[in-house]
């Protein structure tokens, strides 16, 4: 178990910036989710779909620019 934990911590140290950004995003998301309360599905689902679509386009354009 200790060897496994050491491996996990080693990977975490190597990716500290990514882990920090991920944790910060999760905390902000949890706080906003708590503040928003109960958002109607009619607003929530299209909003989430739009964010996912925007992220997919951004990733596709980024990959396209790297290949060119």
PDB file of N, CA and C in Angstrom:
ATOM      1  N   UNK A   1       0.836  -1.195   0.000  1.00  0.00           N
ATOM      2  CA  UNK A   1       0.000   0.000   0.000  1.00  0.00           C
ATOM      3  C   UNK A   1       0.873   1.248   0.000  1.00  0.00           C
ATOM      4  N   UNK A   2       1.941   1.258   0.768  1.00  0.00           N
ATOM      5  CA  UNK A   2       2.799   2.440   0.849  1.00  0.00           C
ATOM      6  C   UNK A   2       3.474   2.719  -0.484  1.00  0.00           C
ATOM      7  N   UNK A   3       3.878   1.663  -1.212  1.00  0.00           N
ATOM      8  CA  UNK A   3       4.505   1.843  -2.525  1.00  0.00           C
ATOM      9  C   UNK A   3       3.512   2.442  -3.507  1.00  0.00           C
ATOM     10  N   UNK A   4       2.276   1.987  -3.451  1.00  0.00           N
ATOM     11  CA  UNK A   4       1.225   2.513  -4.322  1.00  0.00           C
ATOM     12  C   UNK A   4       0.990   3.996  -4.056  1.00  0.00           C
ATOM     13  N   UNK A   5       0.916   4.353  -2.782  1.00  0.00           N
ATOM     14  CA  UNK A   5       0.702   5.740  -2.396  1.00  0.00           C
ATOM     15  C   UNK A   5       1.873   6.613  -2.835  1.00  0.00           C
ATOM     16  N   UNK A   6       3.082   6.094  -2.707  1.00  0.00           N
ATOM     17  CA  UNK A   6       4.248   6.843  -3.155  1.00  0.00           C
ATOM     18  C   UNK A   6       4.205   7.108  -4.645  1.00  0.00           C
ATOM     19  N   UNK A   7       3.722   6.134  -5.429  1.00  0.00           N
ATOM     20  CA  UNK A   7       3.583   6.312  -6.872  1.00  0.00           C
ATOM     21  C   UNK A   7       2.548   7.365  -7.211  1.00  0.00           C
ATOM     22  N   UNK A   8       1.438   7.338  -6.495  1.00  0.00           N
ATOM     23  CA  UNK A   8       0.374   8.323  -6.723  1.00  0.00           C
ATOM     24  C   UNK A   8       0.878   9.723  -6.406  1.00  0.00           C
ATOM     25  N   UNK A   9       1.555   9.868  -5.285  1.00  0.00           N
ATOM     26  CA  UNK A   9       2.068  11.184  -4.894  1.00  0.00           C
ATOM     27  C   UNK A   9       3.134  11.677  -5.869  1.00  0.00           C
ATOM     28  N   UNK A  10       3.912  10.767  -6.412  1.00  0.00           N
ATOM     29  CA  UNK A  10       4.928  11.140  -7.394  1.00  0.00           C
ATOM     30  C   UNK A  10       4.274  11.703  -8.657  1.00  0.00           C
ATOM     31  N   UNK A  11       3.227  11.032  -9.121  1.00  0.00           N
ATOM     32  CA  UNK A  11       2.504  11.502 -10.309  1.00  0.00           C
ATOM     33  C   UNK A  11       1.841  12.843 -10.015  1.00  0.00           C
ATOM     34  N   UNK A  12       1.287  12.981  -8.833  1.00  0.00           N
ATOM     35  CA  UNK A  12       0.639  14.236  -8.447  1.00  0.00           C
ATOM     36  C   UNK A  12       1.643  15.386  -8.430  1.00  0.00           C
ATOM     37  N   UNK A  13       2.828  15.135  -7.899  1.00  0.00           N
ATOM     38  CA  UNK A  13       3.865  16.177  -7.881  1.00  0.00           C
ATOM     39  C   UNK A  13       4.262  16.589  -9.299  1.00  0.00           C
ATOM     40  N   UNK A  14       4.325  15.628 -10.197  1.00  0.00           N
ATOM     41  CA  UNK A  14       4.702  15.927 -11.579  1.00  0.00           C
ATOM     42  C   UNK A  14       3.632  16.748 -12.288  1.00  0.00           C
ATOM     43  N   UNK A  15       2.395  16.596 -11.856  1.00  0.00           N
ATOM     44  CA  UNK A  15       1.278  17.300 -12.495  1.00  0.00           C
ATOM     45  C   UNK A  15       0.604  18.266 -11.524  1.00  0.00           C
ATOM     46  N   UNK A  16       1.391  18.935 -10.740  1.00  0.00           N
ATOM     47  CA  UNK A  16       0.853  19.792  -9.681  1.00  0.00           C
ATOM     48  C   UNK A  16      -0.001  20.932 -10.226  1.00  0.00           C
ATOM     49  N   UNK A  17       0.432  21.548 -11.304  1.00  0.00           N
ATOM     50  CA  UNK A  17      -0.341  22.660 -11.874  1.00  0.00           C
ATOM     51  C   UNK A  17      -1.718  22.181 -12.325  1.00  0.00           C
ATOM     52  N   UNK A  18      -1.745  21.052 -13.038  1.00  0.00           N
ATOM     53  CA  UNK A  18      -3.021  20.492 -13.493  1.00  0.00           C
ATOM     54  C   UNK A  18      -3.925  20.165 -12.302  1.00  0.00           C
ATOM     55  N   UNK A  19      -3.360  19.532 -11.286  1.00  0.00           N
ATOM     56  CA  UNK A  19      -4.142  19.167 -10.108  1.00  0.00           C
ATOM     57  C   UNK A  19      -4.682  20.406  -9.403  1.00  0.00           C
ATOM     58  N   UNK A  20      -3.871  21.450  -9.313  1.00  0.00           N
ATOM     59  CA  UNK A  20      -4.302  22.689  -8.650  1.00  0.00           C
ATOM     60  C   UNK A  20      -5.457  23.337  -9.400  1.00  0.00           C
ATOM     61  N   UNK A  21      -5.336  23.413 -10.717  1.00  0.00           N
ATOM     62  CA  UNK A  21      -6.404  24.013 -11.530  1.00  0.00           C
ATOM     63  C   UNK A  21      -7.675  23.181 -11.432  1.00  0.00           C
ATOM     64  N   UNK A  22      -7.540  21.867 -11.450  1.00  0.00           N
ATOM     65  CA  UNK A  22      -8.697  20.984 -11.354  1.00  0.00           C
ATOM     66  C   UNK A  22      -9.404  21.141 -10.005  1.00  0.00           C
ATOM     67  N   UNK A  23      -8.631  21.180  -8.938  1.00  0.00           N
ATOM     68  CA  UNK A  23      -9.214  21.343  -7.603  1.00  0.00           C
ATOM     69  C   UNK A  23      -9.900  22.709  -7.482  1.00  0.00           C
ATOM     70  N   UNK A  24      -9.239  23.755  -7.976  1.00  0.00           N
ATOM     71  CA  UNK A  24      -9.828  25.100  -7.904  1.00  0.00           C
ATOM     72  C   UNK A  24     -11.143  25.152  -8.675  1.00  0.00           C
ATOM     73  N   UNK A  25     -11.168  24.544  -9.860  1.00  0.00           N
ATOM     74  CA  UNK A  25     -12.402  24.511 -10.643  1.00  0.00           C
ATOM     75  C   UNK A  25     -13.516  23.759  -9.946  1.00  0.00           C
ATOM     76  N   UNK A  26     -13.172  22.683  -9.284  1.00  0.00           N
ATOM     77  CA  UNK A  26     -14.172  21.900  -8.550  1.00  0.00           C
ATOM     78  C   UNK A  26     -14.743  22.693  -7.376  1.00  0.00           C
ATOM     79  N   UNK A  27     -13.872  23.388  -6.667  1.00  0.00           N
ATOM     80  CA  UNK A  27     -14.333  24.183  -5.517  1.00  0.00           C
ATOM     81  C   UNK A  27     -15.247  25.315  -5.996  1.00  0.00           C
ATOM     82  N   UNK A  28     -14.839  26.015  -7.042  1.00  0.00           N
ATOM     83  CA  UNK A  28     -15.666  27.106  -7.584  1.00  0.00           C
ATOM     84  C   UNK A  28     -16.999  26.560  -8.074  1.00  0.00           C
ATOM     85  N   UNK A  29     -16.966  25.420  -8.769  1.00  0.00           N
ATOM     86  CA  UNK A  29     -18.204  24.807  -9.251  1.00  0.00           C
ATOM     87  C   UNK A  29     -19.136  24.413  -8.120  1.00  0.00           C
ATOM     88  N   UNK A  30     -18.572  23.867  -7.056  1.00  0.00           N
ATOM     89  CA  UNK A  30     -19.394  23.478  -5.909  1.00  0.00           C
ATOM     90  C   UNK A  30     -20.014  24.703  -5.237  1.00  0.00           C
ATOM     91  N   UNK A  31     -19.228  25.768  -5.106  1.00  0.00           N
ATOM     92  CA  UNK A  31     -19.758  26.994  -4.497  1.00  0.00           C
ATOM     93  C   UNK A  31     -20.870  27.602  -5.353  1.00  0.00           C
ATOM     94  N   UNK A  32     -20.632  27.679  -6.666  1.00  0.00           N
ATOM     95  CA  UNK A  32     -21.665  28.226  -7.550  1.00  0.00           C
ATOM     96  C   UNK A  32     -22.910  27.350  -7.552  1.00  0.00           C
ATOM     97  N   UNK A  33     -22.708  26.040  -7.534  1.00  0.00           N
ATOM     98  CA  UNK A  33     -23.845  25.125  -7.481  1.00  0.00           C
ATOM     99  C   UNK A  33     -24.668  25.323  -6.221  1.00  0.00           C
ATOM    100  N   UNK A  34     -23.997  25.571  -5.120  1.00  0.00           N
ATOM    101  CA  UNK A  34     -24.707  25.829  -3.867  1.00  0.00           C
ATOM    102  C   UNK A  34     -25.444  27.155  -3.879  1.00  0.00           C
ATOM    103  N   UNK A  35     -24.854  28.158  -4.538  1.00  0.00           N
ATOM    104  CA  UNK A  35     -25.490  29.475  -4.605  1.00  0.00           C
ATOM    105  C   UNK A  35     -26.675  29.486  -5.560  1.00  0.00           C
ATOM    106  N   UNK A  36     -26.565  28.727  -6.643  1.00  0.00           N
ATOM    107  CA  UNK A  36     -27.646  28.726  -7.629  1.00  0.00           C
ATOM    108  C   UNK A  36     -28.875  28.004  -7.125  1.00  0.00           C
ATOM    109  N   UNK A  37     -28.657  27.047  -6.245  1.00  0.00           N
ATOM    110  CA  UNK A  37     -29.792  26.321  -5.702  1.00  0.00           C
ATOM    111  C   UNK A  37     -30.403  25.400  -6.736  1.00  0.00           C
ATOM    112  N   UNK A  38     -31.699  25.480  -6.878  1.00  0.00           N
ATOM    113  CA  UNK A  38     -32.421  24.582  -7.770  1.00  0.00           C
ATOM    114  C   UNK A  38     -32.715  25.295  -9.089  1.00  0.00           C
ATOM    115  N   UNK A  39     -31.850  25.069 -10.080  1.00  0.00           N
ATOM    116  CA  UNK A  39     -32.044  25.670 -11.394  1.00  0.00           C
ATOM    117  C   UNK A  39     -32.959  24.755 -12.196  1.00  0.00           C
ATOM    118  N   UNK A  40     -33.969  25.318 -12.845  1.00  0.00           N
ATOM    119  CA  UNK A  40     -34.887  24.487 -13.637  1.00  0.00           C
ATOM    120  C   UNK A  40     -34.154  23.761 -14.771  1.00  0.00           C
ATOM    121  N   UNK A  41     -34.581  22.524 -15.050  1.00  0.00           N
ATOM    122  CA  UNK A  41     -33.957  21.726 -16.111  1.00  0.00           C
ATOM    123  C   UNK A  41     -34.024  22.422 -17.462  1.00  0.00           C
ATOM    124  N   UNK A  42     -35.054  23.215 -17.670  1.00  0.00           N
ATOM    125  CA  UNK A  42     -35.232  23.924 -18.943  1.00  0.00           C
ATOM    126  C   UNK A  42     -34.078  24.888 -19.205  1.00  0.00           C
ATOM    127  N   UNK A  43     -33.428  25.363 -18.160  1.00  0.00           N
ATOM    128  CA  UNK A  43     -32.285  26.275 -18.290  1.00  0.00           C
ATOM    129  C   UNK A  43     -30.971  25.504 -18.144  1.00  0.00           C
ATOM    130  N   UNK A  44     -30.922  24.588 -17.193  1.00  0.00           N
ATOM    131  CA  UNK A  44     -29.681  23.884 -16.870  1.00  0.00           C
ATOM    132  C   UNK A  44     -29.165  23.012 -18.016  1.00  0.00           C
ATOM    133  N   UNK A  45     -30.008  22.183 -18.590  1.00  0.00           N
ATOM    134  CA  UNK A  45     -29.559  21.227 -19.609  1.00  0.00           C
ATOM    135  C   UNK A  45     -29.075  21.925 -20.880  1.00  0.00           C
ATOM    136  N   UNK A  46     -29.800  22.902 -21.433  1.00  0.00           N
ATOM    137  CA  UNK A  46     -29.257  23.604 -22.609  1.00  0.00           C
ATOM    138  C   UNK A  46     -27.964  24.362 -22.293  1.00  0.00           C
ATOM    139  N   UNK A  47     -27.844  24.892 -21.092  1.00  0.00           N
ATOM    140  CA  UNK A  47     -26.619  25.594 -20.698  1.00  0.00           C
ATOM    141  C   UNK A  47     -25.421  24.654 -20.644  1.00  0.00           C
ATOM    142  N   UNK A  48     -25.627  23.481 -20.053  1.00  0.00           N
ATOM    143  CA  UNK A  48     -24.556  22.487 -19.997  1.00  0.00           C
ATOM    144  C   UNK A  48     -24.207  21.970 -21.390  1.00  0.00           C
ATOM    145  N   UNK A  49     -25.214  21.762 -22.224  1.00  0.00           N
ATOM    146  CA  UNK A  49     -24.969  21.299 -23.593  1.00  0.00           C
ATOM    147  C   UNK A  49     -24.164  22.336 -24.372  1.00  0.00           C
ATOM    148  N   UNK A  50     -24.484  23.606 -24.190  1.00  0.00           N
ATOM    149  CA  UNK A  50     -23.752  24.670 -24.878  1.00  0.00           C
ATOM    150  C   UNK A  50     -22.293  24.712 -24.428  1.00  0.00           C
ATOM    151  N   UNK A  51     -22.059  24.539 -23.130  1.00  0.00           N
ATOM    152  CA  UNK A  51     -20.678  24.531 -22.630  1.00  0.00           C
ATOM    153  C   UNK A  51     -19.893  23.354 -23.192  1.00  0.00           C
ATOM    154  N   UNK A  52     -20.509  22.177 -23.235  1.00  0.00           N
ATOM    155  CA  UNK A  52     -19.835  21.002 -23.781  1.00  0.00           C
ATOM    156  C   UNK A  52     -19.530  21.175 -25.266  1.00  0.00           C
ATOM    157  N   UNK A  53     -20.477  21.729 -26.012  1.00  0.00           N
ATOM    158  CA  UNK A  53     -20.266  21.963 -27.440  1.00  0.00           C
ATOM    159  C   UNK A  53     -19.150  22.968 -27.661  1.00  0.00           C
ATOM    160  N   UNK A  54     -19.139  24.025 -26.885  1.00  0.00           N
ATOM    161  CA  UNK A  54     -18.081  25.028 -26.991  1.00  0.00           C
ATOM    162  C   UNK A  54     -16.721  24.426 -26.678  1.00  0.00           C
ATOM    163  N   UNK A  55     -16.656  23.585 -25.661  1.00  0.00           N
ATOM    164  CA  UNK A  55     -15.397  22.923 -25.308  1.00  0.00           C
ATOM    165  C   UNK A  55     -14.935  22.004 -26.425  1.00  0.00           C
ATOM    166  N   UNK A  56     -15.864  21.264 -27.030  1.00  0.00           N
ATOM    167  CA  UNK A  56     -15.507  20.359 -28.127  1.00  0.00           C
ATOM    168  C   UNK A  56     -14.970  21.130 -29.317  1.00  0.00           C
ATOM    169  N   UNK A  57     -15.592  22.250 -29.645  1.00  0.00           N
ATOM    170  CA  UNK A  57     -15.126  23.084 -30.764  1.00  0.00           C
ATOM    171  C   UNK A  57     -13.739  23.641 -30.446  1.00  0.00           C
ATOM    172  N   UNK A  58     -13.551  24.097 -29.236  1.00  0.00           N
ATOM    173  CA  UNK A  58     -12.257  24.645 -28.843  1.00  0.00           C
ATOM    174  C   UNK A  58     -11.154  23.601 -28.955  1.00  0.00           C
ATOM    175  N   UNK A  59     -11.432  22.384 -28.497  1.00  0.00           N
ATOM    176  CA  UNK A  59     -10.440  21.308 -28.587  1.00  0.00           C
ATOM    177  C   UNK A  59     -10.174  20.948 -30.038  1.00  0.00           C
ATOM    178  N   UNK A  60     -11.220  20.865 -30.847  1.00  0.00           N
ATOM    179  CA  UNK A  60     -11.060  20.514 -32.259  1.00  0.00           C
ATOM    180  C   UNK A  60     -10.214  21.568 -32.981  1.00  0.00           C
ATOM    181  N   UNK A  61     -10.484  22.838 -32.698  1.00  0.00           N
ATOM    182  CA  UNK A  61      -9.717  23.903 -33.347  1.00  0.00           C
ATOM    183  C   UNK A  61      -8.267  23.890 -32.879  1.00  0.00           C
ATOM    184  N   UNK A  62      -8.047  23.605 -31.615  1.00  0.00           N
ATOM    185  CA  UNK A  62      -6.684  23.565 -31.084  1.00  0.00           C
ATOM    186  C   UNK A  62      -5.887  22.434 -31.731  1.00  0.00           C
ATOM    187  N   UNK A  63      -6.508  21.256 -31.839  1.00  0.00           N
ATOM    188  CA  UNK A  63      -5.834  20.126 -32.475  1.00  0.00           C
ATOM    189  C   UNK A  63      -5.570  20.410 -33.944  1.00  0.00           C
ATOM    190  N   UNK A  64      -6.506  21.065 -34.597  1.00  0.00           N
ATOM    191  CA  UNK A  64      -6.353  21.390 -36.012  1.00  0.00           C
ATOM    192  C   UNK A  64      -5.182  22.350 -36.230  1.00  0.00           C
ATOM    193  N   UNK A  65      -5.036  23.321 -35.325  1.00  0.00           N
ATOM    194  CA  UNK A  65      -3.949  24.294 -35.444  1.00  0.00           C
ATOM    195  C   UNK A  65      -2.602  23.624 -35.196  1.00  0.00           C
ATOM    196  N   UNK A  66      -2.553  22.634 -34.302  1.00  0.00           N
ATOM    197  CA  UNK A  66      -1.290  21.940 -34.006  1.00  0.00           C
ATOM    198  C   UNK A  66      -0.856  21.071 -35.167  1.00  0.00           C
ATOM    199  N   UNK A  67      -1.819  20.480 -35.888  1.00  0.00           N
ATOM    200  CA  UNK A  67      -1.511  19.592 -36.997  1.00  0.00           C
ATOM    201  C   UNK A  67      -0.994  20.390 -38.193  1.00  0.00           C
ATOM    202  N   UNK A  68      -1.570  21.555 -38.418  1.00  0.00           N
ATOM    203  CA  UNK A  68      -1.197  22.367 -39.589  1.00  0.00           C
ATOM    204  C   UNK A  68       0.236  22.820 -39.565  1.00  0.00           C
TER     205      UNK A  68
END
